[in-house]
Amino acid sequence: MSFVFTIFFVPDRLEAIENSTISNLPILQKKVAKGYSKKFCNAIGFGLSKESALKLAIKENEDPKFNLSLWKEIAVSGEKNIEEINGLLLADIVSSQIANDCGYPIGLSNEKEIDEFKQYFIEIKSGLE
């Protein structure tokens, strides 16, 4: 009877994963913003008002576990990296993403309108916290 022993060096692997996820924070920000945009644009498509759609998207994105594209990140680092995302930068990315995905029907066609939407997003988000 023979036995095969396998040795795993898990701590080294975890350290490598952690370092790579920190360097991928901008990608993570884009994934989070895409989640907001997808939920917002779908709500607009169903006929919700801009305010209702934005509130819905914010509420649904409060828990990153409901964003399938973030599951790998949550499995690797928990919600630590997600919590480190800068709110103002996220608002920039979200407003630009929404403008790209469904901006025309809601009147987001130039930089001024996108900036106004960003401020609106910040107001609504802070009002819901």
C-alpha atoms as a PDB file:
ATOM      1  CA  MET A   1       0.000   0.000   0.000  1.00  0.00           C
ATOM      2  CA  SER A   2       1.480   3.363  -0.953  1.00  0.00           C
ATOM      3  CA  PHE A   3       0.482   6.861   0.116  1.00  0.00           C
ATOM      4  CA  VAL A   4       0.946  10.144  -1.652  1.00  0.00           C
ATOM      5  CA  PHE A   5       1.402  13.251   0.452  1.00  0.00           C
ATOM      6  CA  THR A   6       0.725  16.680  -0.928  1.00  0.00           C
ATOM      7  CA  ILE A   7       1.910  19.812   0.801  1.00  0.00           C
ATOM      8  CA  PHE A   8       0.112  23.092   0.188  1.00  0.00           C
ATOM      9  CA  PHE A   9       1.623  26.449   0.996  1.00  0.00           C
ATOM     10  CA  VAL A  10      -1.652  28.295   1.332  1.00  0.00           C
ATOM     11  CA  PRO A  11      -0.299  31.434   3.096  1.00  0.00           C
ATOM     12  CA  ASP A  12       1.985  32.249   0.141  1.00  0.00           C
ATOM     13  CA  ARG A  13      -0.862  31.801  -2.281  1.00  0.00           C
ATOM     14  CA  LEU A  14      -3.208  33.983  -0.259  1.00  0.00           C
ATOM     15  CA  GLU A  15      -0.641  36.738  -0.097  1.00  0.00           C
ATOM     16  CA  ALA A  16      -0.241  36.676  -3.880  1.00  0.00           C
ATOM     17  CA  ILE A  17      -4.002  36.817  -4.375  1.00  0.00           C
ATOM     18  CA  GLU A  18      -4.357  39.693  -1.924  1.00  0.00           C
ATOM     19  CA  ASN A  19      -1.629  41.733  -3.657  1.00  0.00           C
ATOM     20  CA  SER A  20      -3.195  41.173  -7.071  1.00  0.00           C
ATOM     21  CA  THR A  21      -6.669  42.225  -5.906  1.00  0.00           C
ATOM     22  CA  ILE A  22      -5.334  45.459  -4.441  1.00  0.00           C
ATOM     23  CA  SER A  23      -3.703  46.292  -7.779  1.00  0.00           C
ATOM     24  CA  ASN A  24      -7.034  45.560  -9.498  1.00  0.00           C
ATOM     25  CA  LEU A  25      -8.989  48.139  -7.528  1.00  0.00           C
ATOM     26  CA  PRO A  26      -9.797  50.240 -10.633  1.00  0.00           C
ATOM     27  CA  ILE A  27     -11.246  47.111 -12.293  1.00  0.00           C
ATOM     28  CA  LEU A  28     -13.250  46.504  -9.142  1.00  0.00           C
ATOM     29  CA  GLN A  29     -14.560  50.079  -9.265  1.00  0.00           C
ATOM     30  CA  LYS A  30     -15.697  49.518 -12.837  1.00  0.00           C
ATOM     31  CA  LYS A  31     -17.509  46.316 -11.832  1.00  0.00           C
ATOM     32  CA  VAL A  32     -19.292  48.091  -8.996  1.00  0.00           C
ATOM     33  CA  ALA A  33     -20.232  50.989 -11.297  1.00  0.00           C
ATOM     34  CA  LYS A  34     -21.472  48.541 -13.932  1.00  0.00           C
ATOM     35  CA  GLY A  35     -23.749  46.999 -11.304  1.00  0.00           C
ATOM     36  CA  TYR A  36     -25.276  50.402 -10.536  1.00  0.00           C
ATOM     37  CA  SER A  37     -25.654  51.208 -14.217  1.00  0.00           C
ATOM     38  CA  LYS A  38     -27.239  47.887 -15.133  1.00  0.00           C
ATOM     39  CA  LYS A  39     -29.811  48.114 -12.352  1.00  0.00           C
ATOM     40  CA  PHE A  40     -30.526  51.793 -13.047  1.00  0.00           C
ATOM     41  CA  CYS A  41     -30.913  51.364 -16.806  1.00  0.00           C
ATOM     42  CA  ASN A  42     -33.130  48.295 -16.371  1.00  0.00           C
ATOM     43  CA  ALA A  43     -35.369  50.255 -13.990  1.00  0.00           C
ATOM     44  CA  ILE A  44     -35.574  53.138 -16.491  1.00  0.00           C
ATOM     45  CA  GLY A  45     -36.470  50.581 -19.182  1.00  0.00           C
ATOM     46  CA  PHE A  46     -39.325  49.332 -17.005  1.00  0.00           C
ATOM     47  CA  GLY A  47     -40.681  52.871 -16.810  1.00  0.00           C
ATOM     48  CA  LEU A  48     -39.482  54.003 -13.371  1.00  0.00           C
ATOM     49  CA  SER A  49     -38.645  57.667 -12.884  1.00  0.00           C
ATOM     50  CA  LYS A  50     -35.010  58.726 -12.717  1.00  0.00           C
ATOM     51  CA  GLU A  51     -35.285  59.181  -8.942  1.00  0.00           C
ATOM     52  CA  SER A  52     -36.977  55.813  -8.347  1.00  0.00           C
ATOM     53  CA  ALA A  53     -34.536  54.012 -10.642  1.00  0.00           C
ATOM     54  CA  LEU A  54     -31.577  55.584  -8.883  1.00  0.00           C
ATOM     55  CA  LYS A  55     -32.921  54.730  -5.425  1.00  0.00           C
ATOM     56  CA  LEU A  56     -33.541  51.156  -6.537  1.00  0.00           C
ATOM     57  CA  ALA A  57     -30.038  50.807  -7.993  1.00  0.00           C
ATOM     58  CA  ILE A  58     -28.448  52.240  -4.840  1.00  0.00           C
ATOM     59  CA  LYS A  59     -30.489  50.009  -2.526  1.00  0.00           C
ATOM     60  CA  GLU A  60     -29.762  46.900  -4.582  1.00  0.00           C
ATOM     61  CA  ASN A  61     -26.047  47.702  -4.632  1.00  0.00           C
ATOM     62  CA  GLU A  62     -25.767  48.243  -0.877  1.00  0.00           C
ATOM     63  CA  ASP A  63     -25.018  44.545  -0.522  1.00  0.00           C
ATOM     64  CA  PRO A  64     -22.306  43.531  -3.022  1.00  0.00           C
ATOM     65  CA  LYS A  65     -23.390  39.881  -2.691  1.00  0.00           C
ATOM     66  CA  PHE A  66     -26.228  40.708  -5.090  1.00  0.00           C
ATOM     67  CA  ASN A  67     -23.784  41.741  -7.831  1.00  0.00           C
ATOM     68  CA  LEU A  68     -22.693  38.513  -9.548  1.00  0.00           C
ATOM     69  CA  SER A  69     -19.584  40.111 -11.057  1.00  0.00           C
ATOM     70  CA  LEU A  70     -18.276  40.786  -7.527  1.00  0.00           C
ATOM     71  CA  TRP A  71     -18.633  37.261  -6.153  1.00  0.00           C
ATOM     72  CA  LYS A  72     -15.047  36.302  -7.016  1.00  0.00           C
ATOM     73  CA  GLU A  73     -13.747  39.443  -5.308  1.00  0.00           C
ATOM     74  CA  ILE A  74     -15.840  38.760  -2.209  1.00  0.00           C
ATOM     75  CA  ALA A  75     -14.624  35.142  -2.098  1.00  0.00           C
ATOM     76  CA  VAL A  76     -10.987  36.229  -2.320  1.00  0.00           C
ATOM     77  CA  SER A  77     -10.862  39.275  -0.059  1.00  0.00           C
ATOM     78  CA  GLY A  78     -14.228  39.517   1.612  1.00  0.00           C
ATOM     79  CA  GLU A  79     -15.785  42.926   1.216  1.00  0.00           C
ATOM     80  CA  LYS A  80     -12.603  44.738   2.295  1.00  0.00           C
ATOM     81  CA  ASN A  81     -11.600  46.018  -1.156  1.00  0.00           C
ATOM     82  CA  ILE A  82     -15.181  46.942  -2.009  1.00  0.00           C
ATOM     83  CA  GLU A  83     -15.427  49.040   1.155  1.00  0.00           C
ATOM     84  CA  GLU A  84     -12.201  50.868   0.213  1.00  0.00           C
ATOM     85  CA  ILE A  85     -13.661  52.308  -2.993  1.00  0.00           C
ATOM     86  CA  ASN A  86     -13.656  56.103  -2.929  1.00  0.00           C
ATOM     87  CA  GLY A  87     -17.236  57.420  -2.971  1.00  0.00           C
ATOM     88  CA  LEU A  88     -16.587  60.458  -5.178  1.00  0.00           C
ATOM     89  CA  LEU A  89     -14.597  58.458  -7.684  1.00  0.00           C
ATOM     90  CA  LEU A  90     -17.330  55.836  -7.716  1.00  0.00           C
ATOM     91  CA  ALA A  91     -19.921  58.554  -8.387  1.00  0.00           C
ATOM     92  CA  ASP A  92     -17.808  59.713 -11.353  1.00  0.00           C
ATOM     93  CA  ILE A  93     -17.553  56.226 -12.772  1.00  0.00           C
ATOM     94  CA  VAL A  94     -21.245  55.422 -12.154  1.00  0.00           C
ATOM     95  CA  SER A  95     -22.485  58.594 -13.842  1.00  0.00           C
ATOM     96  CA  SER A  96     -20.222  58.013 -16.859  1.00  0.00           C
ATOM     97  CA  GLN A  97     -21.267  54.365 -17.082  1.00  0.00           C
ATOM     98  CA  ILE A  98     -24.952  55.273 -16.930  1.00  0.00           C
ATOM     99  CA  ALA A  99     -24.423  57.952 -19.593  1.00  0.00           C
ATOM    100  CA  ASN A 100     -22.805  55.332 -21.844  1.00  0.00           C
ATOM    101  CA  ASP A 101     -25.380  52.611 -21.174  1.00  0.00           C
ATOM    102  CA  CYS A 102     -28.660  54.544 -21.227  1.00  0.00           C
ATOM    103  CA  GLY A 103     -27.875  58.238 -21.072  1.00  0.00           C
ATOM    104  CA  TYR A 104     -29.571  59.359 -24.246  1.00  0.00           C
ATOM    105  CA  PRO A 105     -33.163  58.525 -23.187  1.00  0.00           C
ATOM    106  CA  ILE A 106     -32.721  60.359 -19.864  1.00  0.00           C
ATOM    107  CA  GLY A 107     -30.880  63.365 -21.245  1.00  0.00           C
ATOM    108  CA  LEU A 108     -27.253  62.609 -20.403  1.00  0.00           C
ATOM    109  CA  SER A 109     -25.506  63.638 -23.571  1.00  0.00           C
ATOM    110  CA  ASN A 110     -22.839  66.124 -22.523  1.00  0.00           C
ATOM    111  CA  GLU A 111     -20.356  66.675 -19.721  1.00  0.00           C
ATOM    112  CA  LYS A 112     -22.505  69.232 -17.876  1.00  0.00           C
ATOM    113  CA  GLU A 113     -25.497  66.877 -17.759  1.00  0.00           C
ATOM    114  CA  ILE A 114     -23.308  63.968 -16.631  1.00  0.00           C
ATOM    115  CA  ASP A 115     -21.794  66.139 -13.893  1.00  0.00           C
ATOM    116  CA  GLU A 116     -25.281  67.202 -12.741  1.00  0.00           C
ATOM    117  CA  PHE A 117     -26.318  63.542 -12.655  1.00  0.00           C
ATOM    118  CA  LYS A 118     -23.215  62.747 -10.593  1.00  0.00           C
ATOM    119  CA  GLN A 119     -24.259  65.355  -8.020  1.00  0.00           C
ATOM    120  CA  TYR A 120     -27.804  63.962  -8.069  1.00  0.00           C
ATOM    121  CA  PHE A 121     -26.418  60.447  -7.491  1.00  0.00           C
ATOM    122  CA  ILE A 122     -24.372  61.702  -4.512  1.00  0.00           C
ATOM    123  CA  GLU A 123     -27.421  63.471  -3.032  1.00  0.00           C
ATOM    124  CA  ILE A 124     -29.702  60.449  -3.384  1.00  0.00           C
ATOM    125  CA  LYS A 125     -27.052  58.029  -2.097  1.00  0.00           C
ATOM    126  CA  SER A 126     -26.271  60.148   0.955  1.00  0.00           C
ATOM    127  CA  GLY A 127     -29.999  60.548   1.658  1.00  0.00           C
ATOM    128  CA  LEU A 128     -30.446  56.782   1.724  1.00  0.00           C
ATOM    129  CA  GLU A 129     -27.556  56.089   4.106  1.00  0.00           C
END
